[in-house]
Protein backbone atom coordinates (compact mmCIF):
# COMPACT_ATOMS: atom_id res chain seq x y z
CA MET A 1 0.00 0.00 0.00
CA ASP A 2 1.05 3.59 -0.55
CA ALA A 3 1.35 6.24 2.15
CA PHE A 4 -1.61 8.62 2.38
CA SER A 5 -1.10 12.28 3.15
CA THR A 6 -3.11 14.71 1.01
CA LEU A 7 -5.29 13.90 -1.96
CA THR A 8 -6.99 16.30 -4.36
CA SER A 9 -9.32 14.78 -6.93
CA ASN A 10 -12.77 14.89 -8.36
CA ALA A 11 -15.13 12.46 -6.65
CA VAL A 12 -17.60 9.91 -7.94
CA PRO A 13 -20.98 10.17 -6.17
CA PHE A 14 -22.91 7.13 -4.98
CA ALA A 15 -25.84 8.76 -3.20
CA ARG A 16 -27.55 5.47 -2.33
CA ASP A 17 -27.59 4.20 1.25
CA ASN A 18 -26.57 0.64 2.16
CA ILE A 19 -24.32 -0.11 -0.81
CA ASP A 20 -22.99 -3.48 0.29
CA THR A 21 -19.71 -5.24 -0.32
CA ASP A 22 -21.33 -7.66 -2.78
CA GLN A 23 -22.30 -4.69 -4.94
CA ILE A 24 -18.77 -3.28 -4.67
CA LEU A 25 -17.23 -6.63 -5.62
CA PRO A 26 -19.58 -9.48 -6.59
CA ALA A 27 -18.93 -12.77 -4.81
CA ARG A 28 -17.92 -14.62 -7.97
CA TYR A 29 -14.63 -12.66 -7.98
CA LEU A 30 -13.61 -13.48 -4.41
CA ALA A 31 -11.37 -16.43 -5.31
CA ARG A 32 -8.94 -14.23 -7.24
CA PRO A 33 -5.54 -13.75 -5.57
CA ARG A 34 -4.52 -10.39 -4.12
CA ASN A 35 -2.02 -9.70 -6.89
CA ASP A 36 -4.86 -9.85 -9.45
CA ASN A 37 -6.29 -6.45 -10.44
CA HIS A 38 -9.57 -6.40 -8.53
CA GLY A 39 -10.30 -2.91 -9.86
CA GLU A 40 -11.61 -4.28 -13.13
CA TYR A 41 -14.43 -6.01 -11.20
CA LEU A 42 -15.41 -2.94 -9.15
CA PHE A 43 -19.20 -2.57 -9.15
CA ARG A 44 -19.23 -5.08 -12.03
CA ASP A 45 -22.97 -5.82 -11.88
CA LEU A 46 -24.10 -2.27 -11.18
CA ARG A 47 -22.00 -0.99 -14.08
CA GLN A 48 -24.34 -2.80 -16.49
CA ALA A 49 -26.70 0.18 -16.13
CA ALA A 50 -25.72 2.87 -18.65
CA ASP A 51 -26.29 5.67 -16.15
CA PHE A 52 -24.05 4.17 -13.45
CA PRO A 53 -21.64 6.92 -12.24
CA LEU A 54 -18.42 5.02 -13.01
CA ASN A 55 -19.55 4.67 -16.62
CA ARG A 56 -19.23 8.43 -17.09
CA PRO A 57 -15.81 9.40 -18.48
CA GLU A 58 -15.49 12.29 -15.99
CA TRP A 59 -15.62 9.97 -13.02
CA GLN A 60 -13.70 6.94 -14.24
CA ALA A 61 -10.41 8.23 -12.80
CA ALA A 62 -11.87 9.78 -9.63
CA ARG A 63 -9.78 8.88 -6.59
CA ILE A 64 -12.49 9.78 -4.07
CA VAL A 65 -15.87 8.11 -3.60
CA LEU A 66 -18.81 9.91 -1.99
CA GLY A 67 -21.16 7.38 -0.44
CA GLY A 68 -24.47 7.23 1.37
CA ARG A 69 -25.16 5.96 4.86
CA ASN A 70 -23.82 2.54 5.81
CA PHE A 71 -21.47 2.40 2.83
CA ALA A 72 -19.96 -1.07 2.29
CA CYS A 73 -22.18 -2.88 4.73
CA GLY A 74 -22.68 -6.61 4.44
CA SER A 75 -20.11 -9.36 4.43
CA SER A 76 -16.58 -8.90 5.64
CA ARG A 77 -14.85 -9.20 2.29
CA GLU A 78 -11.51 -7.45 2.22
CA ASN A 79 -11.67 -7.88 -1.55
CA ALA A 80 -14.17 -5.00 -1.75
CA VAL A 81 -11.45 -2.68 -0.44
CA TRP A 82 -8.97 -4.19 -2.90
CA ALA A 83 -11.37 -3.47 -5.77
CA LEU A 84 -11.67 0.20 -4.80
CA TYR A 85 -7.93 0.53 -4.18
CA ASP A 86 -6.94 -1.25 -7.39
CA HIS A 87 -9.31 1.02 -9.33
CA GLY A 88 -7.39 4.01 -7.93
CA VAL A 89 -9.70 5.12 -5.12
CA ARG A 90 -7.77 6.30 -2.07
CA ALA A 91 -10.54 7.83 0.06
CA VAL A 92 -14.24 7.28 0.65
CA ILE A 93 -16.34 9.99 2.28
CA ALA A 94 -19.65 8.87 3.78
CA PRO A 95 -21.84 9.47 6.85
CA SER A 96 -21.22 5.90 8.07
CA TYR A 97 -19.68 2.58 7.04
CA GLY A 98 -19.96 -1.10 7.63
CA ASP A 99 -17.58 -1.62 10.58
CA ILE A 100 -15.52 -4.37 8.99
CA PHE A 101 -15.12 -2.41 5.77
CA ALA A 102 -13.77 0.60 7.67
CA THR A 103 -11.23 -1.61 9.46
CA ASN A 104 -10.20 -3.37 6.24
CA SER A 105 -9.87 -0.01 4.48
CA VAL A 106 -7.22 1.31 6.84
CA LYS A 107 -5.31 -1.99 6.72
CA ASN A 108 -5.12 -1.66 2.93
CA GLY A 109 -4.32 2.03 2.54
CA LEU A 110 -7.83 3.34 1.84
CA LEU A 111 -8.99 6.24 4.03
CA PRO A 112 -12.62 6.03 5.22
CA VAL A 113 -13.72 9.57 6.15
CA VAL A 114 -16.89 10.07 8.21
CA LEU A 115 -18.63 13.42 7.76
CA PRO A 116 -22.17 14.49 8.70
CA GLU A 117 -24.80 13.41 6.21
CA ALA A 118 -25.68 17.01 5.28
CA VAL A 119 -22.03 17.70 4.39
CA VAL A 120 -21.76 14.53 2.30
CA GLN A 121 -24.99 15.41 0.51
CA SER A 122 -23.66 18.89 -0.29
CA LEU A 123 -20.45 17.35 -1.69
CA ILE A 124 -22.52 14.94 -3.78
CA ALA A 125 -24.65 17.82 -5.11
CA ALA A 126 -21.54 19.83 -6.00
CA THR A 127 -20.00 16.83 -7.76
CA GLU A 128 -23.17 16.06 -9.69
CA ALA A 129 -23.38 19.72 -10.78
CA ASP A 130 -19.73 19.73 -11.87
CA PRO A 131 -18.15 16.28 -12.32
CA ASN A 132 -14.69 17.89 -12.41
CA ALA A 133 -15.14 19.70 -9.07
CA GLN A 134 -12.14 19.08 -6.85
CA ILE A 135 -12.21 17.87 -3.25
CA THR A 136 -9.13 17.76 -1.04
CA VAL A 137 -8.70 15.21 1.72
CA ASP A 138 -5.87 16.19 4.07
CA LEU A 139 -5.03 13.44 6.54
CA PRO A 140 -2.40 15.33 8.59
CA SER A 141 -4.90 18.12 9.35
CA GLN A 142 -7.88 15.71 9.28
CA THR A 143 -9.87 17.94 6.96
CA VAL A 144 -11.89 17.72 3.78
CA THR A 145 -12.10 20.84 1.64
CA GLY A 146 -15.07 20.94 -0.70
CA PRO A 147 -15.24 22.54 -4.14
CA ASP A 148 -16.70 25.68 -2.53
CA GLY A 149 -13.69 26.04 -0.20
CA ALA A 150 -15.60 24.96 2.91
CA VAL A 151 -13.37 22.98 5.27
CA HIS A 152 -14.79 20.06 7.25
CA HIS A 153 -12.93 18.33 10.09
CA PHE A 154 -13.06 14.55 10.51
CA GLU A 155 -11.95 12.24 13.30
CA ILE A 156 -9.61 9.29 12.92
CA ASP A 157 -8.01 6.96 15.42
CA PRO A 158 -4.38 8.07 15.99
CA PHE A 159 -3.04 4.57 15.33
CA ASN A 160 -4.94 4.33 12.03
CA LYS A 161 -3.74 7.80 11.07
CA ARG A 162 -0.11 6.83 11.68
CA CYS A 163 -0.46 3.60 9.72
CA LEU A 164 -1.93 5.44 6.71
CA LEU A 165 0.60 8.27 6.84
CA GLU A 166 3.52 5.83 7.03
CA ALA A 167 2.06 3.07 4.80
CA LEU A 168 2.20 0.55 7.63
CA ASP A 169 0.14 -2.59 7.72
CA GLU A 170 -0.01 -4.55 10.98
CA LEU A 171 3.18 -6.48 10.27
CA ALA A 172 5.13 -3.41 9.21
CA PHE A 173 3.94 -1.58 12.34
CA THR A 174 5.10 -4.47 14.52
CA LEU A 175 8.50 -4.37 12.84
CA THR A 176 8.91 -0.72 13.85
CA HIS A 177 9.33 -2.16 17.35
CA ALA A 178 11.88 -4.82 16.35
CA GLU A 179 14.56 -3.56 18.76
CA ASP A 180 12.12 -3.54 21.69
CA ILE A 181 10.92 -7.03 20.78
CA ALA A 182 14.49 -8.34 20.56
CA ALA A 183 15.35 -6.75 23.93
CA PHE A 184 12.26 -8.33 25.47
CA GLU A 185 13.16 -11.74 24.04
CA ARG A 186 16.72 -11.45 25.38
CA ARG A 187 15.43 -10.47 28.83
CA ILE A 188 12.86 -13.29 28.91
CA GLY A 189 15.43 -15.75 27.59
CA ARG A 190 17.85 -14.93 30.44
CA GLU A 191 15.15 -15.20 33.06
CA ASN A 192 14.05 -18.64 31.88
CA PHE A 193 17.51 -20.24 32.04
């Protein structure tokens, strides 16, 4: 995964509530290995509709998703995060998420931003009015700046923030404490003999 600091992009709007992980990545693609490009299967079934947002050329390269309430609810498939990430999405802004999706997002370098529903709806309206409107997500300052210049603060767990800023998954984070772990093992080893 790549480090996340600040991202400025247009955003693809998905105004529907309760978009589940099976809609993000249909179950028939779950057996594919991680090194496969899951992005090509992103919203595969929903994209059959001609008016689906990702079918519009303006939004195909958007790196931010604007979602409705309970975005990515449903089953605990990490592959849904992989599909978004492999497509190029680095942040999702929604009023709420499926809990497991939010956890999987951080572990895979995707920032799930929670903002009040009214703010998300205003960002969706701005994006629908101008598909090229730019939104900035700034993780160090924990802010989202909308196309109108309005700045919105979001909360994030300090551990998750560090992992995203430094591109650390759980193993890489553990290895940042390698010297402490080795010292502990030496101390325990001496005490047991």
